[in-house]
PDB file of N, CA and C in Angstrom:
ATOM      1  N   MET A   1      74.843 101.445  95.650  1.00  0.00           N
ATOM      2  CA  MET A   1      73.928 102.048  96.602  1.00  0.00           C
ATOM      3  C   MET A   1      72.709 102.599  95.860  1.00  0.00           C
ATOM      4  N   VAL A   2      71.543 102.438  96.436  1.00  0.00           N
ATOM      5  CA  VAL A   2      70.292 102.826  95.793  1.00  0.00           C
ATOM      6  C   VAL A   2      70.019 104.327  95.906  1.00  0.00           C
ATOM      7  N   ASP A   3      70.498 104.975  96.960  1.00  0.00           N
ATOM      8  CA  ASP A   3      70.224 106.399  97.117  1.00  0.00           C
ATOM      9  C   ASP A   3      70.615 107.156  95.855  1.00  0.00           C
ATOM     10  N   GLY A   4      69.698 108.006  95.362  1.00  0.00           N
ATOM     11  CA  GLY A   4      69.974 108.782  94.159  1.00  0.00           C
ATOM     12  C   GLY A   4      68.697 109.218  93.468  1.00  0.00           C
ATOM     13  N   PHE A   5      68.873 109.778  92.285  1.00  0.00           N
ATOM     14  CA  PHE A   5      67.778 110.261  91.445  1.00  0.00           C
ATOM     15  C   PHE A   5      67.577 109.257  90.313  1.00  0.00           C
ATOM     16  N   TRP A   6      66.343 108.752  90.154  1.00  0.00           N
ATOM     17  CA  TRP A   6      66.042 107.648  89.238  1.00  0.00           C
ATOM     18  C   TRP A   6      64.959 108.020  88.241  1.00  0.00           C
ATOM     19  N   ILE A   7      65.100 107.536  87.018  1.00  0.00           N
ATOM     20  CA  ILE A   7      64.040 107.579  86.016  1.00  0.00           C
ATOM     21  C   ILE A   7      63.210 106.311  86.199  1.00  0.00           C
ATOM     22  N   VAL A   8      61.897 106.443  86.253  1.00  0.00           N
ATOM     23  CA  VAL A   8      60.998 105.313  86.478  1.00  0.00           C
ATOM     24  C   VAL A   8      60.190 105.055  85.205  1.00  0.00           C
ATOM     25  N   GLN A   9      60.239 103.822  84.686  1.00  0.00           N
ATOM     26  CA  GLN A   9      59.398 103.414  83.560  1.00  0.00           C
ATOM     27  C   GLN A   9      58.525 102.269  84.058  1.00  0.00           C
ATOM     28  N   PHE A  10      57.233 102.295  83.691  1.00  0.00           N
ATOM     29  CA  PHE A  10      56.325 101.257  84.178  1.00  0.00           C
ATOM     30  C   PHE A  10      55.338 100.857  83.099  1.00  0.00           C
ATOM     31  N   GLU A  11      54.859  99.612  83.219  1.00  0.00           N
ATOM     32  CA  GLU A  11      53.892  99.074  82.269  1.00  0.00           C
ATOM     33  C   GLU A  11      52.886  98.221  83.014  1.00  0.00           C
ATOM     34  N   GLY A  12      51.609  98.497  82.759  1.00  0.00           N
ATOM     35  CA  GLY A  12      50.520  97.734  83.347  1.00  0.00           C
ATOM     36  C   GLY A  12      49.531  97.322  82.270  1.00  0.00           C
ATOM     37  N   LEU A  13      48.444  96.685  82.670  1.00  0.00           N
ATOM     38  CA  LEU A  13      47.440  96.217  81.712  1.00  0.00           C
ATOM     39  C   LEU A  13      46.737  97.357  80.984  1.00  0.00           C
ATOM     40  N   LYS A  14      46.711  98.544  81.588  1.00  0.00           N
ATOM     41  CA  LYS A  14      45.991  99.680  81.004  1.00  0.00           C
ATOM     42  C   LYS A  14      46.922 100.669  80.299  1.00  0.00           C
ATOM     43  N   GLY A  15      48.196 100.324  80.158  1.00  0.00           N
ATOM     44  CA  GLY A  15      49.111 101.219  79.462  1.00  0.00           C
ATOM     45  C   GLY A  15      50.476 101.267  80.113  1.00  0.00           C
ATOM     46  N   ASN A  16      51.243 102.281  79.717  1.00  0.00           N
ATOM     47  CA  ASN A  16      52.582 102.444  80.276  1.00  0.00           C
ATOM     48  C   ASN A  16      52.846 103.914  80.520  1.00  0.00           C
ATOM     49  N   GLY A  17      53.947 104.199  81.196  1.00  0.00           N
ATOM     50  CA  GLY A  17      54.270 105.584  81.496  1.00  0.00           C
ATOM     51  C   GLY A  17      55.624 105.697  82.137  1.00  0.00           C
ATOM     52  N   GLY A  18      55.912 106.889  82.612  1.00  0.00           N
ATOM     53  CA  GLY A  18      57.194 107.130  83.235  1.00  0.00           C
ATOM     54  C   GLY A  18      57.133 108.297  84.188  1.00  0.00           C
ATOM     55  N   GLY A  19      58.117 108.352  85.057  1.00  0.00           N
ATOM     56  CA  GLY A  19      58.213 109.426  86.027  1.00  0.00           C
ATOM     57  C   GLY A  19      59.615 109.467  86.586  1.00  0.00           C
ATOM     58  N   VAL A  20      59.756 110.087  87.738  1.00  0.00           N
ATOM     59  CA  VAL A  20      61.049 110.163  88.412  1.00  0.00           C
ATOM     60  C   VAL A  20      60.865 109.876  89.892  1.00  0.00           C
ATOM     61  N   ALA A  21      61.956 109.443  90.536  1.00  0.00           N
ATOM     62  CA  ALA A  21      61.923 109.182  91.973  1.00  0.00           C
ATOM     63  C   ALA A  21      63.290 109.476  92.581  1.00  0.00           C
ATOM     64  N   VAL A  22      63.258 109.947  93.813  1.00  0.00           N
ATOM     65  CA  VAL A  22      64.467 110.145  94.600  1.00  0.00           C
ATOM     66  C   VAL A  22      64.435 109.150  95.752  1.00  0.00           C
ATOM     67  N   PHE A  23      65.501 108.372  95.882  1.00  0.00           N
ATOM     68  CA  PHE A  23      65.673 107.441  96.986  1.00  0.00           C
ATOM     69  C   PHE A  23      66.718 108.030  97.926  1.00  0.00           C
ATOM     70  N   ILE A  24      66.351 108.223  99.196  1.00  0.00           N
ATOM     71  CA  ILE A  24      67.281 108.809 100.144  1.00  0.00           C
ATOM     72  C   ILE A  24      67.034 108.277 101.550  1.00  0.00           C
ATOM     73  N   LYS A  25      68.036 107.593 102.086  1.00  0.00           N
ATOM     74  CA  LYS A  25      68.031 107.122 103.473  1.00  0.00           C
ATOM     75  C   LYS A  25      66.753 106.372 103.840  1.00  0.00           C
ATOM     76  N   GLY A  26      66.343 105.420 103.002  1.00  0.00           N
ATOM     77  CA  GLY A  26      65.183 104.589 103.303  1.00  0.00           C
ATOM     78  C   GLY A  26      63.839 105.182 102.922  1.00  0.00           C
ATOM     79  N   LYS A  27      63.848 106.347 102.305  1.00  0.00           N
ATOM     80  CA  LYS A  27      62.593 106.980 101.877  1.00  0.00           C
ATOM     81  C   LYS A  27      62.628 107.219 100.384  1.00  0.00           C
ATOM     82  N   VAL A  28      61.438 107.215  99.772  1.00  0.00           N
ATOM     83  CA  VAL A  28      61.325 107.466  98.332  1.00  0.00           C
ATOM     84  C   VAL A  28      60.291 108.560  98.103  1.00  0.00           C
ATOM     85  N   PHE A  29      60.630 109.481  97.187  1.00  0.00           N
ATOM     86  CA  PHE A  29      59.755 110.583  96.803  1.00  0.00           C
ATOM     87  C   PHE A  29      59.792 110.701  95.283  1.00  0.00           C
ATOM     88  N   GLY A  30      58.634 110.842  94.646  1.00  0.00           N
ATOM     89  CA  GLY A  30      58.648 110.963  93.202  1.00  0.00           C
ATOM     90  C   GLY A  30      57.287 111.302  92.643  1.00  0.00           C
ATOM     91  N   GLY A  31      57.164 111.134  91.314  1.00  0.00           N
ATOM     92  CA  GLY A  31      55.889 111.410  90.695  1.00  0.00           C
ATOM     93  C   GLY A  31      55.937 111.295  89.182  1.00  0.00           C
ATOM     94  N   ASP A  32      54.751 111.463  88.600  1.00  0.00           N
ATOM     95  CA  ASP A  32      54.599 111.452  87.146  1.00  0.00           C
ATOM     96  C   ASP A  32      53.520 112.469  86.786  1.00  0.00           C
ATOM     97  N   ASN A  33      52.922 112.357  85.613  1.00  0.00           N
ATOM     98  CA  ASN A  33      51.956 113.352  85.156  1.00  0.00           C
ATOM     99  C   ASN A  33      50.599 113.287  85.849  1.00  0.00           C
ATOM    100  N   GLY A  34      50.381 112.307  86.716  1.00  0.00           N
ATOM    101  CA  GLY A  34      49.091 112.216  87.397  1.00  0.00           C
ATOM    102  C   GLY A  34      49.159 111.830  88.860  1.00  0.00           C
ATOM    103  N   SER A  35      50.344 111.399  89.326  1.00  0.00           N
ATOM    104  CA  SER A  35      50.453 110.888  90.697  1.00  0.00           C
ATOM    105  C   SER A  35      51.764 111.301  91.346  1.00  0.00           C
ATOM    106  N   THR A  36      51.716 111.373  92.677  1.00  0.00           N
ATOM    107  CA  THR A  36      52.951 111.497  93.451  1.00  0.00           C
ATOM    108  C   THR A  36      53.234 110.158  94.104  1.00  0.00           C
ATOM    109  N   TYR A  37      54.514 109.903  94.407  1.00  0.00           N
ATOM    110  CA  TYR A  37      54.923 108.672  95.080  1.00  0.00           C
ATOM    111  C   TYR A  37      55.660 109.051  96.356  1.00  0.00           C
ATOM    112  N   THR A  38      55.243 108.466  97.481  1.00  0.00           N
ATOM    113  CA  THR A  38      55.965 108.632  98.735  1.00  0.00           C
ATOM    114  C   THR A  38      55.965 107.293  99.451  1.00  0.00           C
ATOM    115  N   GLY A  39      57.086 106.950 100.066  1.00  0.00           N
ATOM    116  CA  GLY A  39      57.124 105.678 100.772  1.00  0.00           C
ATOM    117  C   GLY A  39      58.464 105.394 101.401  1.00  0.00           C
ATOM    118  N   THR A  40      58.638 104.129 101.720  1.00  0.00           N
ATOM    119  CA  THR A  40      59.861 103.673 102.368  1.00  0.00           C
ATOM    120  C   THR A  40      60.407 102.471 101.617  1.00  0.00           C
ATOM    121  N   TYR A  41      61.713 102.226 101.782  1.00  0.00           N
ATOM    122  CA  TYR A  41      62.334 101.076 101.143  1.00  0.00           C
ATOM    123  C   TYR A  41      63.471 100.538 101.983  1.00  0.00           C
ATOM    124  N   VAL A  42      63.782  99.268 101.719  1.00  0.00           N
ATOM    125  CA  VAL A  42      64.943  98.595 102.287  1.00  0.00           C
ATOM    126  C   VAL A  42      65.673  97.978 101.110  1.00  0.00           C
ATOM    127  N   ALA A  43      66.976  98.220 101.024  1.00  0.00           N
ATOM    128  CA  ALA A  43      67.746  97.704  99.891  1.00  0.00           C
ATOM    129  C   ALA A  43      69.109  97.224 100.347  1.00  0.00           C
ATOM    130  N   ASN A  44      69.650  96.290  99.571  1.00  0.00           N
ATOM    131  CA  ASN A  44      71.043  95.893  99.727  1.00  0.00           C
ATOM    132  C   ASN A  44      71.665  95.923  98.335  1.00  0.00           C
ATOM    133  N   ALA A  45      72.805  95.322  98.168  1.00  0.00           N
ATOM    134  CA  ALA A  45      73.499  95.381  96.877  1.00  0.00           C
ATOM    135  C   ALA A  45      72.726  94.695  95.751  1.00  0.00           C
ATOM    136  N   LYS A  46      71.804  93.780  96.095  1.00  0.00           N
ATOM    137  CA  LYS A  46      71.133  92.996  95.058  1.00  0.00           C
ATOM    138  C   LYS A  46      69.618  93.138  94.994  1.00  0.00           C
ATOM    139  N   THR A  47      68.973  93.535  96.089  1.00  0.00           N
ATOM    140  CA  THR A  47      67.505  93.581  96.101  1.00  0.00           C
ATOM    141  C   THR A  47      66.979  94.861  96.730  1.00  0.00           C
ATOM    142  N   ILE A  48      65.719  95.158  96.408  1.00  0.00           N
ATOM    143  CA  ILE A  48      65.018  96.286  97.014  1.00  0.00           C
ATOM    144  C   ILE A  48      63.581  95.870  97.283  1.00  0.00           C
ATOM    145  N   ASN A  49      63.059  96.289  98.428  1.00  0.00           N
ATOM    146  CA  ASN A  49      61.661  96.091  98.800  1.00  0.00           C
ATOM    147  C   ASN A  49      61.124  97.444  99.249  1.00  0.00           C
ATOM    148  N   ALA A  50      59.973  97.822  98.724  1.00  0.00           N
ATOM    149  CA  ALA A  50      59.412  99.131  99.056  1.00  0.00           C
ATOM    150  C   ALA A  50      57.902  99.049  99.218  1.00  0.00           C
ATOM    151  N   ARG A  51      57.374  99.978 100.002  1.00  0.00           N
ATOM    152  CA  ARG A  51      55.927 100.223 100.087  1.00  0.00           C
ATOM    153  C   ARG A  51      55.757 101.687  99.724  1.00  0.00           C
ATOM    154  N   VAL A  52      55.058 101.934  98.619  1.00  0.00           N
ATOM    155  CA  VAL A  52      54.930 103.288  98.086  1.00  0.00           C
ATOM    156  C   VAL A  52      53.459 103.674  98.009  1.00  0.00           C
ATOM    157  N   ARG A  53      53.137 104.834  98.555  1.00  0.00           N
ATOM    158  CA  ARG A  53      51.787 105.389  98.469  1.00  0.00           C
ATOM    159  C   ARG A  53      51.680 106.150  97.153  1.00  0.00           C
ATOM    160  N   ILE A  54      50.739 105.747  96.313  1.00  0.00           N
ATOM    161  CA  ILE A  54      50.483 106.415  95.049  1.00  0.00           C
ATOM    162  C   ILE A  54      49.289 107.340  95.271  1.00  0.00           C
ATOM    163  N   HIS A  55      49.537 108.640  95.151  1.00  0.00           N
ATOM    164  CA  HIS A  55      48.472 109.636  95.345  1.00  0.00           C
ATOM    165  C   HIS A  55      48.133 110.268  94.000  1.00  0.00           C
ATOM    166  N   ASN A  56      46.898 110.056  93.557  1.00  0.00           N
ATOM    167  CA  ASN A  56      46.433 110.605  92.281  1.00  0.00           C
ATOM    168  C   ASN A  56      45.996 112.047  92.491  1.00  0.00           C
ATOM    169  N   TYR A  57      46.775 112.997  91.966  1.00  0.00           N
ATOM    170  CA  TYR A  57      46.430 114.414  92.096  1.00  0.00           C
ATOM    171  C   TYR A  57      45.722 114.964  90.856  1.00  0.00           C
ATOM    172  N   MET A  58      45.625 114.152  89.792  1.00  0.00           N
ATOM    173  CA  MET A  58      44.937 114.541  88.561  1.00  0.00           C
ATOM    174  C   MET A  58      43.866 113.492  88.262  1.00  0.00           C
ATOM    175  N   PRO A  59      42.639 113.713  88.730  1.00  0.00           N
ATOM    176  CA  PRO A  59      41.592 112.704  88.567  1.00  0.00           C
ATOM    177  C   PRO A  59      41.384 112.212  87.139  1.00  0.00           C
ATOM    178  N   GLY A  60      41.688 113.000  86.126  1.00  0.00           N
ATOM    179  CA  GLY A  60      41.504 112.572  84.748  1.00  0.00           C
ATOM    180  C   GLY A  60      42.576 111.610  84.256  1.00  0.00           C
ATOM    181  N   VAL A  61      43.666 111.475  85.005  1.00  0.00           N
ATOM    182  CA  VAL A  61      44.752 110.574  84.611  1.00  0.00           C
ATOM    183  C   VAL A  61      44.528 109.233  85.297  1.00  0.00           C
ATOM    184  N   VAL A  62      44.284 108.195  84.498  1.00  0.00           N
ATOM    185  CA  VAL A  62      43.959 106.870  85.019  1.00  0.00           C
ATOM    186  C   VAL A  62      45.234 106.077  85.270  1.00  0.00           C
ATOM    187  N   SER A  63      45.259 105.320  86.358  1.00  0.00           N
ATOM    188  CA  SER A  63      46.388 104.451  86.682  1.00  0.00           C
ATOM    189  C   SER A  63      46.585 103.401  85.599  1.00  0.00           C
ATOM    190  N   VAL A  64      47.843 103.051  85.309  1.00  0.00           N
ATOM    191  CA  VAL A  64      48.116 102.033  84.293  1.00  0.00           C
ATOM    192  C   VAL A  64      47.688 100.642  84.745  1.00  0.00           C
ATOM    193  N   ILE A  65      47.294 100.498  86.007  1.00  0.00           N
ATOM    194  CA  ILE A  65      46.774  99.203  86.459  1.00  0.00           C
ATOM    195  C   ILE A  65      45.271  99.263  86.730  1.00  0.00           C
ATOM    196  N   GLY A  66      44.646 100.387  86.355  1.00  0.00           N
ATOM    197  CA  GLY A  66      43.196 100.480  86.410  1.00  0.00           C
ATOM    198  C   GLY A  66      42.594 100.809  87.761  1.00  0.00           C
ATOM    199  N   ILE A  67      43.400 101.233  88.726  1.00  0.00           N
ATOM    200  CA  ILE A  67      42.875 101.612  90.036  1.00  0.00           C
ATOM    201  C   ILE A  67      42.608 103.110  90.039  1.00  0.00           C
ATOM    202  N   GLU A  68      41.411 103.491  90.481  1.00  0.00           N
ATOM    203  CA  GLU A  68      41.083 104.907  90.597  1.00  0.00           C
ATOM    204  C   GLU A  68      41.445 105.392  91.985  1.00  0.00           C
ATOM    205  N   GLY A  69      41.934 106.613  92.073  1.00  0.00           N
ATOM    206  CA  GLY A  69      42.264 107.196  93.372  1.00  0.00           C
ATOM    207  C   GLY A  69      43.617 106.734  93.889  1.00  0.00           C
ATOM    208  N   ASP A  70      43.784 106.852  95.207  1.00  0.00           N
ATOM    209  CA  ASP A  70      45.051 106.544  95.863  1.00  0.00           C
ATOM    210  C   ASP A  70      45.138 105.069  96.241  1.00  0.00           C
ATOM    211  N   TYR A  71      46.370 104.550  96.295  1.00  0.00           N
ATOM    212  CA  TYR A  71      46.586 103.169  96.724  1.00  0.00           C
ATOM    213  C   TYR A  71      48.039 102.980  97.130  1.00  0.00           C
ATOM    214  N   ASP A  72      48.299 101.894  97.856  1.00  0.00           N
ATOM    215  CA  ASP A  72      49.658 101.514  98.232  1.00  0.00           C
ATOM    216  C   ASP A  72      50.152 100.455  97.266  1.00  0.00           C
ATOM    217  N   LEU A  73      51.434 100.555  96.894  1.00  0.00           N
ATOM    218  CA  LEU A  73      52.044  99.623  95.964  1.00  0.00           C
ATOM    219  C   LEU A  73      53.233  98.956  96.654  1.00  0.00           C
ATOM    220  N   ASP A  74      53.224  97.624  96.694  1.00  0.00           N
ATOM    221  CA  ASP A  74      54.360  96.855  97.207  1.00  0.00           C
ATOM    222  C   ASP A  74      55.283  96.553  96.038  1.00  0.00           C
ATOM    223  N   VAL A  75      56.536  96.943  96.162  1.00  0.00           N
ATOM    224  CA  VAL A  75      57.510  96.792  95.089  1.00  0.00           C
ATOM    225  C   VAL A  75      58.630  95.861  95.540  1.00  0.00           C
ATOM    226  N   ILE A  76      58.948  94.883  94.700  1.00  0.00           N
ATOM    227  CA  ILE A  76      60.055  93.958  94.942  1.00  0.00           C
ATOM    228  C   ILE A  76      60.892  93.930  93.680  1.00  0.00           C
ATOM    229  N   GLY A  77      62.213  94.126  93.840  1.00  0.00           N
ATOM    230  CA  GLY A  77      63.039  94.168  92.654  1.00  0.00           C
ATOM    231  C   GLY A  77      64.467  93.738  92.859  1.00  0.00           C
ATOM    232  N   ASN A  78      65.157  93.632  91.736  1.00  0.00           N
ATOM    233  CA  ASN A  78      66.573  93.276  91.714  1.00  0.00           C
ATOM    234  C   ASN A  78      67.387  94.493  91.284  1.00  0.00           C
ATOM    235  N   VAL A  79      68.450  94.752  92.026  1.00  0.00           N
ATOM    236  CA  VAL A  79      69.348  95.860  91.730  1.00  0.00           C
ATOM    237  C   VAL A  79      70.514  95.309  90.923  1.00  0.00           C
ATOM    238  N   GLU A  80      70.731  95.876  89.738  1.00  0.00           N
ATOM    239  CA  GLU A  80      71.834  95.469  88.866  1.00  0.00           C
ATOM    240  C   GLU A  80      72.607  96.725  88.476  1.00  0.00           C
ATOM    241  N   GLY A  81      73.497  97.181  89.346  1.00  0.00           N
ATOM    242  CA  GLY A  81      74.238  98.414  89.091  1.00  0.00           C
ATOM    243  C   GLY A  81      73.319  99.611  89.121  1.00  0.00           C
ATOM    244  N   ASP A  82      73.223 100.315  87.988  1.00  0.00           N
ATOM    245  CA  ASP A  82      72.383 101.502  87.899  1.00  0.00           C
ATOM    246  C   ASP A  82      71.000 101.218  87.322  1.00  0.00           C
ATOM    247  N   VAL A  83      70.576  99.948  87.383  1.00  0.00           N
ATOM    248  CA  VAL A  83      69.249  99.558  86.894  1.00  0.00           C
ATOM    249  C   VAL A  83      68.558  98.701  87.956  1.00  0.00           C
ATOM    250  N   ILE A  84      67.282  98.992  88.187  1.00  0.00           N
ATOM    251  CA  ILE A  84      66.437  98.167  89.049  1.00  0.00           C
ATOM    252  C   ILE A  84      65.310  97.635  88.184  1.00  0.00           C
ATOM    253  N   LYS A  85      65.140  96.312  88.173  1.00  0.00           N
ATOM    254  CA  LYS A  85      64.001  95.690  87.495  1.00  0.00           C
ATOM    255  C   LYS A  85      63.109  95.135  88.600  1.00  0.00           C
ATOM    256  N   ALA A  86      61.834  95.536  88.588  1.00  0.00           N
ATOM    257  CA  ALA A  86      60.955  95.222  89.710  1.00  0.00           C
ATOM    258  C   ALA A  86      59.527  94.958  89.252  1.00  0.00           C
ATOM    259  N   THR A  87      58.746  94.440  90.188  1.00  0.00           N
ATOM    260  CA  THR A  87      57.305  94.311  89.997  1.00  0.00           C
ATOM    261  C   THR A  87      56.615  95.055  91.132  1.00  0.00           C
ATOM    262  N   GLY A  88      55.456  95.608  90.818  1.00  0.00           N
ATOM    263  CA  GLY A  88      54.656  96.295  91.821  1.00  0.00           C
ATOM    264  C   GLY A  88      53.280  95.673  91.899  1.00  0.00           C
ATOM    265  N   THR A  89      52.818  95.445  93.124  1.00  0.00           N
ATOM    266  CA  THR A  89      51.514  94.838  93.356  1.00  0.00           C
ATOM    267  C   THR A  89      50.713  95.738  94.300  1.00  0.00           C
ATOM    268  N   PRO A  90      49.490  96.101  93.941  1.00  0.00           N
ATOM    269  CA  PRO A  90      48.675  96.920  94.837  1.00  0.00           C
ATOM    270  C   PRO A  90      48.381  96.170  96.136  1.00  0.00           C
ATOM    271  N   ALA A  91      48.680  96.796  97.254  1.00  0.00           N
ATOM    272  CA  ALA A  91      48.469  96.168  98.565  1.00  0.00           C
ATOM    273  C   ALA A  91      46.980  96.064  98.867  1.00  0.00           C
ATOM    274  N   GLY A  92      46.528  94.843  99.144  1.00  0.00           N
ATOM    275  CA  GLY A  92      45.155  94.617  99.566  1.00  0.00           C
ATOM    276  C   GLY A  92      44.093  94.821  98.501  1.00  0.00           C
ATOM    277  N   LYS A  93      44.472  94.854  97.246  1.00  0.00           N
ATOM    278  CA  LYS A  93      43.486  95.048  96.169  1.00  0.00           C
ATOM    279  C   LYS A  93      43.578  93.909  95.173  1.00  0.00           C
ATOM    280  N   GLN A  94      42.449  93.546  94.597  1.00  0.00           N
ATOM    281  CA  GLN A  94      42.405  92.544  93.544  1.00  0.00           C
ATOM    282  C   GLN A  94      42.642  93.258  92.219  1.00  0.00           C
ATOM    283  N   SER A  95      43.893  93.379  91.860  1.00  0.00           N
ATOM    284  CA  SER A  95      44.240  94.083  90.628  1.00  0.00           C
ATOM    285  C   SER A  95      45.556  93.527  90.113  1.00  0.00           C
ATOM    286  N   ALA A  96      45.700  93.557  88.804  1.00  0.00           N
ATOM    287  CA  ALA A  96      46.976  93.154  88.214  1.00  0.00           C
ATOM    288  C   ALA A  96      48.040  94.173  88.606  1.00  0.00           C
ATOM    289  N   GLY A  97      49.257  93.725  88.691  1.00  0.00           N
ATOM    290  CA  GLY A  97      50.353  94.599  89.049  1.00  0.00           C
ATOM    291  C   GLY A  97      50.975  95.257  87.834  1.00  0.00           C
ATOM    292  N   LEU A  98      52.210  95.715  88.015  1.00  0.00           N
ATOM    293  CA  LEU A  98      52.910  96.334  86.919  1.00  0.00           C
ATOM    294  C   LEU A  98      54.387  95.975  86.947  1.00  0.00           C
ATOM    295  N   ALA A  99      55.001  96.104  85.792  1.00  0.00           N
ATOM    296  CA  ALA A  99      56.437  95.894  85.652  1.00  0.00           C
ATOM    297  C   ALA A  99      57.116  97.253  85.716  1.00  0.00           C
ATOM    298  N   LEU A 100      58.250  97.312  86.415  1.00  0.00           N
ATOM    299  CA  LEU A 100      58.974  98.562  86.586  1.00  0.00           C
ATOM    300  C   LEU A 100      60.428  98.407  86.159  1.00  0.00           C
ATOM    301  N   LYS A 101      60.950  99.450  85.548  1.00  0.00           N
ATOM    302  CA  LYS A 101      62.382  99.538  85.277  1.00  0.00           C
ATOM    303  C   LYS A 101      62.825 100.919  85.718  1.00  0.00           C
ATOM    304  N   LEU A 102      63.791 100.963  86.624  1.00  0.00           N
ATOM    305  CA  LEU A 102      64.324 102.227  87.093  1.00  0.00           C
ATOM    306  C   LEU A 102      65.784 102.329  86.658  1.00  0.00           C
ATOM    307  N   THR A 103      66.156 103.485  86.146  1.00  0.00           N
ATOM    308  CA  THR A 103      67.510 103.739  85.701  1.00  0.00           C
ATOM    309  C   THR A 103      68.058 104.920  86.460  1.00  0.00           C
ATOM    310  N   LYS A 104      69.185 104.743  87.106  1.00  0.00           N
ATOM    311  CA  LYS A 104      69.765 105.811  87.906  1.00  0.00           C
ATOM    312  C   LYS A 104      70.241 106.943  87.003  1.00  0.00           C
ATOM    313  N   ALA A 105      69.757 108.161  87.294  1.00  0.00           N
ATOM    314  CA  ALA A 105      70.104 109.319  86.484  1.00  0.00           C
ATOM    315  C   ALA A 105      71.142 110.209  87.173  1.00  0.00           C
ATOM    316  N   GLY A 106      71.322 110.028  88.485  1.00  0.00           N
ATOM    317  CA  GLY A 106      72.290 110.867  89.170  1.00  0.00           C
ATOM    318  C   GLY A 106      72.421 110.553  90.636  1.00  0.00           C
ATOM    319  N   GLU A 107      73.548 110.960  91.170  1.00  0.00           N
ATOM    320  CA  GLU A 107      73.812 110.833  92.609  1.00  0.00           C
ATOM    321  C   GLU A 107      73.272 112.054  93.330  1.00  0.00           C
ATOM    322  N   LEU A 108      73.004 111.918  94.618  1.00  0.00           N
ATOM    323  CA  LEU A 108      72.560 113.037  95.425  1.00  0.00           C
ATOM    324  C   LEU A 108      73.775 113.754  96.004  1.00  0.00           C
ATOM    325  N   PRO A 109      73.675 115.059  96.213  1.00  0.00           N
ATOM    326  CA  PRO A 109      74.815 115.777  96.796  1.00  0.00           C
ATOM    327  C   PRO A 109      75.040 115.374  98.254  1.00  0.00           C
ATOM    328  N   GLY A 110      76.252 115.550  98.694  1.00  0.00           N
ATOM    329  CA  GLY A 110      76.559 115.294 100.099  1.00  0.00           C
ATOM    330  C   GLY A 110      77.121 113.981 100.312  1.00  0.00           C
TER     331      GLY A 110
END
């Protein structure tokens, strides 16, 4: 099951970075040193599809894919136990995407 607390690692043409995300009941919430992530996802035992709004709250921190400001990211990935390997593509923008690796760090209570 995808619901849980995840470590997010990403790499784009302009660099790499990491953050955290919580997946809960079809919604995702997270962030890193310059952006917050909020969105929705659909997952099964093998795949995940998400649309995530990337909100840049620190104007001096540049996106690893070179987009300034806020944007939507379409994420498609494969679930392999406690690891998700995925790609993210900016929705409606002419920009290179990024590679993502998420590692489950914990289960949610309840």
